PDB file of N, CA and C in Angstrom:
ATOM      1  N   MET A   1     162.632-127.766 -73.725  1.00  0.00           N
ATOM      2  CA  MET A   1     163.356-128.930 -74.165  1.00  0.00           C
ATOM      3  C   MET A   1     163.314-128.985 -75.683  1.00  0.00           C
ATOM      4  N   THR A   2     164.425-129.331 -76.277  1.00  0.00           N
ATOM      5  CA  THR A   2     164.521-129.469 -77.726  1.00  0.00           C
ATOM      6  C   THR A   2     164.665-130.941 -78.094  1.00  0.00           C
ATOM      7  N   ILE A   3     163.888-131.356 -79.073  1.00  0.00           N
ATOM      8  CA  ILE A   3     163.977-132.716 -79.587  1.00  0.00           C
ATOM      9  C   ILE A   3     164.759-132.661 -80.885  1.00  0.00           C
ATOM     10  N   LYS A   4     165.759-133.540 -81.036  1.00  0.00           N
ATOM     11  CA  LYS A   4     166.570-133.586 -82.245  1.00  0.00           C
ATOM     12  C   LYS A   4     166.425-134.947 -82.903  1.00  0.00           C
ATOM     13  N   ILE A   5     166.111-134.930 -84.190  1.00  0.00           N
ATOM     14  CA  ILE A   5     166.031-136.145 -84.999  1.00  0.00           C
ATOM     15  C   ILE A   5     167.098-136.003 -86.070  1.00  0.00           C
ATOM     16  N   THR A   6     168.071-136.903 -86.081  1.00  0.00           N
ATOM     17  CA  THR A   6     169.204-136.763 -86.994  1.00  0.00           C
ATOM     18  C   THR A   6     169.483-138.079 -87.715  1.00  0.00           C
ATOM     19  N   ASN A   7     169.644-137.998 -89.027  1.00  0.00           N
ATOM     20  CA  ASN A   7     170.072-139.119 -89.870  1.00  0.00           C
ATOM     21  C   ASN A   7     169.282-140.401 -89.625  1.00  0.00           C
ATOM     22  N   CYS A   8     167.982-140.340 -89.883  1.00  0.00           N
ATOM     23  CA  CYS A   8     167.190-141.561 -89.746  1.00  0.00           C
ATOM     24  C   CYS A   8     166.302-141.733 -90.976  1.00  0.00           C
ATOM     25  N   THR A   9     165.807-142.955 -91.157  1.00  0.00           N
ATOM     26  CA  THR A   9     164.918-143.303 -92.255  1.00  0.00           C
ATOM     27  C   THR A   9     163.630-143.860 -91.670  1.00  0.00           C
ATOM     28  N   ILE A  10     162.502-143.355 -92.173  1.00  0.00           N
ATOM     29  CA  ILE A  10     161.187-143.833 -91.739  1.00  0.00           C
ATOM     30  C   ILE A  10     160.511-144.439 -92.958  1.00  0.00           C
ATOM     31  N   ILE A  11     160.119-145.723 -92.845  1.00  0.00           N
ATOM     32  CA  ILE A  11     159.583-146.472 -93.978  1.00  0.00           C
ATOM     33  C   ILE A  11     158.202-147.022 -93.635  1.00  0.00           C
ATOM     34  N   ASN A  12     157.260-146.917 -94.587  1.00  0.00           N
ATOM     35  CA  ASN A  12     155.927-147.514 -94.499  1.00  0.00           C
ATOM     36  C   ASN A  12     155.186-147.148 -93.214  1.00  0.00           C
ATOM     37  N   SER A  13     155.163-145.880 -92.905  1.00  0.00           N
ATOM     38  CA  SER A  13     154.487-145.410 -91.699  1.00  0.00           C
ATOM     39  C   SER A  13     153.228-144.646 -92.092  1.00  0.00           C
ATOM     40  N   GLY A  14     152.267-144.579 -91.175  1.00  0.00           N
ATOM     41  CA  GLY A  14     151.105-143.730 -91.407  1.00  0.00           C
ATOM     42  C   GLY A  14     151.547-142.281 -91.477  1.00  0.00           C
ATOM     43  N   THR A  15     152.220-141.816 -90.436  1.00  0.00           N
ATOM     44  CA  THR A  15     152.816-140.483 -90.390  1.00  0.00           C
ATOM     45  C   THR A  15     154.232-140.640 -89.869  1.00  0.00           C
ATOM     46  N   GLY A  16     155.205-140.193 -90.655  1.00  0.00           N
ATOM     47  CA  GLY A  16     156.615-140.345 -90.279  1.00  0.00           C
ATOM     48  C   GLY A  16     156.962-139.596 -89.008  1.00  0.00           C
ATOM     49  N   VAL A  17     156.654-138.288 -88.954  1.00  0.00           N
ATOM     50  CA  VAL A  17     156.917-137.461 -87.783  1.00  0.00           C
ATOM     51  C   VAL A  17     155.640-136.678 -87.489  1.00  0.00           C
ATOM     52  N   HIS A  18     155.114-136.809 -86.278  1.00  0.00           N
ATOM     53  CA  HIS A  18     153.881-136.123 -85.875  1.00  0.00           C
ATOM     54  C   HIS A  18     154.224-135.175 -84.730  1.00  0.00           C
ATOM     55  N   LEU A  19     154.057-133.872 -84.957  1.00  0.00           N
ATOM     56  CA  LEU A  19     154.364-132.856 -83.956  1.00  0.00           C
ATOM     57  C   LEU A  19     153.091-132.129 -83.572  1.00  0.00           C
ATOM     58  N   GLU A  20     152.842-132.016 -82.265  1.00  0.00           N
ATOM     59  CA  GLU A  20     151.634-131.336 -81.817  1.00  0.00           C
ATOM     60  C   GLU A  20     151.864-130.743 -80.440  1.00  0.00           C
ATOM     61  N   GLY A  21     151.449-129.489 -80.240  1.00  0.00           N
ATOM     62  CA  GLY A  21     151.565-128.855 -78.930  1.00  0.00           C
ATOM     63  C   GLY A  21     151.828-127.367 -79.047  1.00  0.00           C
ATOM     64  N   ASP A  22     151.930-126.701 -77.904  1.00  0.00           N
ATOM     65  CA  ASP A  22     152.113-125.256 -77.872  1.00  0.00           C
ATOM     66  C   ASP A  22     153.580-124.836 -77.865  1.00  0.00           C
ATOM     67  N   ASN A  23     154.412-125.501 -77.117  1.00  0.00           N
ATOM     68  CA  ASN A  23     155.826-125.145 -77.011  1.00  0.00           C
ATOM     69  C   ASN A  23     156.689-126.283 -77.541  1.00  0.00           C
ATOM     70  N   VAL A  24     156.664-126.476 -78.851  1.00  0.00           N
ATOM     71  CA  VAL A  24     157.384-127.570 -79.485  1.00  0.00           C
ATOM     72  C   VAL A  24     158.676-127.014 -80.088  1.00  0.00           C
ATOM     73  N   ASP A  25     159.810-127.530 -79.661  1.00  0.00           N
ATOM     74  CA  ASP A  25     161.108-127.154 -80.217  1.00  0.00           C
ATOM     75  C   ASP A  25     161.739-128.410 -80.815  1.00  0.00           C
ATOM     76  N   VAL A  26     161.822-128.444 -82.143  1.00  0.00           N
ATOM     77  CA  VAL A  26     162.293-129.637 -82.839  1.00  0.00           C
ATOM     78  C   VAL A  26     163.330-129.246 -83.888  1.00  0.00           C
ATOM     79  N   GLU A  27     164.377-130.051 -83.983  1.00  0.00           N
ATOM     80  CA  GLU A  27     165.404-129.888 -85.003  1.00  0.00           C
ATOM     81  C   GLU A  27     165.516-131.214 -85.745  1.00  0.00           C
ATOM     82  N   ILE A  28     165.200-131.210 -87.046  1.00  0.00           N
ATOM     83  CA  ILE A  28     165.236-132.418 -87.867  1.00  0.00           C
ATOM     84  C   ILE A  28     166.292-132.227 -88.945  1.00  0.00           C
ATOM     85  N   LYS A  29     167.288-133.112 -88.971  1.00  0.00           N
ATOM     86  CA  LYS A  29     168.349-133.045 -89.977  1.00  0.00           C
ATOM     87  C   LYS A  29     168.591-134.435 -90.544  1.00  0.00           C
ATOM     88  N   GLY A  30     168.667-134.545 -91.853  1.00  0.00           N
ATOM     89  CA  GLY A  30     169.006-135.818 -92.487  1.00  0.00           C
ATOM     90  C   GLY A  30     167.909-136.852 -92.381  1.00  0.00           C
ATOM     91  N   LEU A  31     166.655-136.442 -92.520  1.00  0.00           N
ATOM     92  CA  LEU A  31     165.535-137.373 -92.445  1.00  0.00           C
ATOM     93  C   LEU A  31     165.205-137.878 -93.839  1.00  0.00           C
ATOM     94  N   ARG A  32     165.098-139.185 -93.981  1.00  0.00           N
ATOM     95  CA  ARG A  32     164.714-139.810 -95.249  1.00  0.00           C
ATOM     96  C   ARG A  32     163.407-140.547 -95.025  1.00  0.00           C
ATOM     97  N   THR A  33     162.423-140.283 -95.870  1.00  0.00           N
ATOM     98  CA  THR A  33     161.129-140.933 -95.725  1.00  0.00           C
ATOM     99  C   THR A  33     160.820-141.739 -96.980  1.00  0.00           C
ATOM    100  N   ILE A  34     160.284-142.942 -96.787  1.00  0.00           N
ATOM    101  CA  ILE A  34     159.966-143.830 -97.907  1.00  0.00           C
ATOM    102  C   ILE A  34     158.576-144.422 -97.699  1.00  0.00           C
ATOM    103  N   ASN A  35     157.675-144.182 -98.648  1.00  0.00           N
ATOM    104  CA  ASN A  35     156.360-144.823 -98.692  1.00  0.00           C
ATOM    105  C   ASN A  35     155.521-144.582 -97.434  1.00  0.00           C
ATOM    106  N   ASN A  36     155.467-143.348 -96.947  1.00  0.00           N
ATOM    107  CA  ASN A  36     154.617-142.989 -95.812  1.00  0.00           C
ATOM    108  C   ASN A  36     153.367-142.283 -96.332  1.00  0.00           C
ATOM    109  N   LYS A  37     152.260-142.400 -95.601  1.00  0.00           N
ATOM    110  CA  LYS A  37     151.061-141.665 -95.994  1.00  0.00           C
ATOM    111  C   LYS A  37     151.303-140.165 -95.837  1.00  0.00           C
ATOM    112  N   LYS A  38     151.916-139.766 -94.730  1.00  0.00           N
ATOM    113  CA  LYS A  38     152.328-138.383 -94.496  1.00  0.00           C
ATOM    114  C   LYS A  38     153.752-138.423 -93.987  1.00  0.00           C
ATOM    115  N   ASP A  39     154.622-137.599 -94.553  1.00  0.00           N
ATOM    116  CA  ASP A  39     155.998-137.569 -94.084  1.00  0.00           C
ATOM    117  C   ASP A  39     156.110-136.816 -92.757  1.00  0.00           C
ATOM    118  N   ILE A  40     155.565-135.587 -92.719  1.00  0.00           N
ATOM    119  CA  ILE A  40     155.597-134.787 -91.493  1.00  0.00           C
ATOM    120  C   ILE A  40     154.247-134.104 -91.320  1.00  0.00           C
ATOM    121  N   TYR A  41     153.691-134.185 -90.112  1.00  0.00           N
ATOM    122  CA  TYR A  41     152.464-133.481 -89.761  1.00  0.00           C
ATOM    123  C   TYR A  41     152.775-132.605 -88.552  1.00  0.00           C
ATOM    124  N   ALA A  42     152.436-131.321 -88.631  1.00  0.00           N
ATOM    125  CA  ALA A  42     152.711-130.414 -87.517  1.00  0.00           C
ATOM    126  C   ALA A  42     151.494-129.548 -87.228  1.00  0.00           C
ATOM    127  N   ASN A  43     151.047-129.559 -85.987  1.00  0.00           N
ATOM    128  CA  ASN A  43     149.982-128.695 -85.498  1.00  0.00           C
ATOM    129  C   ASN A  43     150.521-128.085 -84.210  1.00  0.00           C
ATOM    130  N   VAL A  44     151.279-126.987 -84.337  1.00  0.00           N
ATOM    131  CA  VAL A  44     152.003-126.426 -83.202  1.00  0.00           C
ATOM    132  C   VAL A  44     151.618-124.965 -82.987  1.00  0.00           C
ATOM    133  N   GLY A  45     151.872-124.475 -81.774  1.00  0.00           N
ATOM    134  CA  GLY A  45     151.569-123.096 -81.423  1.00  0.00           C
ATOM    135  C   GLY A  45     152.602-122.108 -81.932  1.00  0.00           C
ATOM    136  N   LYS A  46     152.276-120.819 -81.789  1.00  0.00           N
ATOM    137  CA  LYS A  46     153.152-119.747 -82.283  1.00  0.00           C
ATOM    138  C   LYS A  46     154.504-119.703 -81.582  1.00  0.00           C
ATOM    139  N   SER A  47     154.572-120.173 -80.361  1.00  0.00           N
ATOM    140  CA  SER A  47     155.837-120.125 -79.611  1.00  0.00           C
ATOM    141  C   SER A  47     156.744-121.318 -79.906  1.00  0.00           C
ATOM    142  N   SER A  48     156.407-122.111 -80.910  1.00  0.00           N
ATOM    143  CA  SER A  48     157.197-123.286 -81.274  1.00  0.00           C
ATOM    144  C   SER A  48     158.299-122.930 -82.263  1.00  0.00           C
ATOM    145  N   SER A  49     159.326-123.761 -82.283  1.00  0.00           N
ATOM    146  CA  SER A  49     160.452-123.583 -83.190  1.00  0.00           C
ATOM    147  C   SER A  49     160.745-124.913 -83.865  1.00  0.00           C
ATOM    148  N   ILE A  50     160.614-124.944 -85.192  1.00  0.00           N
ATOM    149  CA  ILE A  50     160.874-126.182 -85.933  1.00  0.00           C
ATOM    150  C   ILE A  50     161.887-125.886 -87.031  1.00  0.00           C
ATOM    151  N   ILE A  51     162.991-126.640 -87.035  1.00  0.00           N
ATOM    152  CA  ILE A  51     164.035-126.523 -88.053  1.00  0.00           C
ATOM    153  C   ILE A  51     164.117-127.837 -88.795  1.00  0.00           C
ATOM    154  N   ILE A  52     163.984-127.790 -90.122  1.00  0.00           N
ATOM    155  CA  ILE A  52     164.084-128.997 -90.938  1.00  0.00           C
ATOM    156  C   ILE A  52     165.149-128.768 -92.006  1.00  0.00           C
ATOM    157  N   GLU A  53     166.166-129.652 -92.039  1.00  0.00           N
ATOM    158  CA  GLU A  53     167.228-129.583 -93.027  1.00  0.00           C
ATOM    159  C   GLU A  53     167.445-130.958 -93.632  1.00  0.00           C
ATOM    160  N   ASP A  54     167.745-131.014 -94.911  1.00  0.00           N
ATOM    161  CA  ASP A  54     168.093-132.252 -95.619  1.00  0.00           C
ATOM    162  C   ASP A  54     167.003-133.307 -95.533  1.00  0.00           C
ATOM    163  N   LEU A  55     165.782-132.944 -95.919  1.00  0.00           N
ATOM    164  CA  LEU A  55     164.665-133.882 -95.978  1.00  0.00           C
ATOM    165  C   LEU A  55     164.628-134.486 -97.375  1.00  0.00           C
ATOM    166  N   SER A  56     164.583-135.812 -97.465  1.00  0.00           N
ATOM    167  CA  SER A  56     164.478-136.458 -98.766  1.00  0.00           C
ATOM    168  C   SER A  56     163.476-137.587 -98.696  1.00  0.00           C
ATOM    169  N   SER A  57     162.828-137.833 -99.835  1.00  0.00           N
ATOM    170  CA  SER A  57     161.872-138.937 -99.882  1.00  0.00           C
ATOM    171  C   SER A  57     162.006-139.681-101.186  1.00  0.00           C
TER     172      SER A  57
END
């Protein structure tokens, strides 16, 4: 299963996007982060696929 995050804004969060696991398939496009402690945290296995495009803070 692929998770898609598109055109969203995350404000005043501890961690904006938290990814963890062995088979993580994520596509992030157009993510805007404002005043987060961590914008993105990832602890994923080798078989995972993460695509990040157009990240701004």
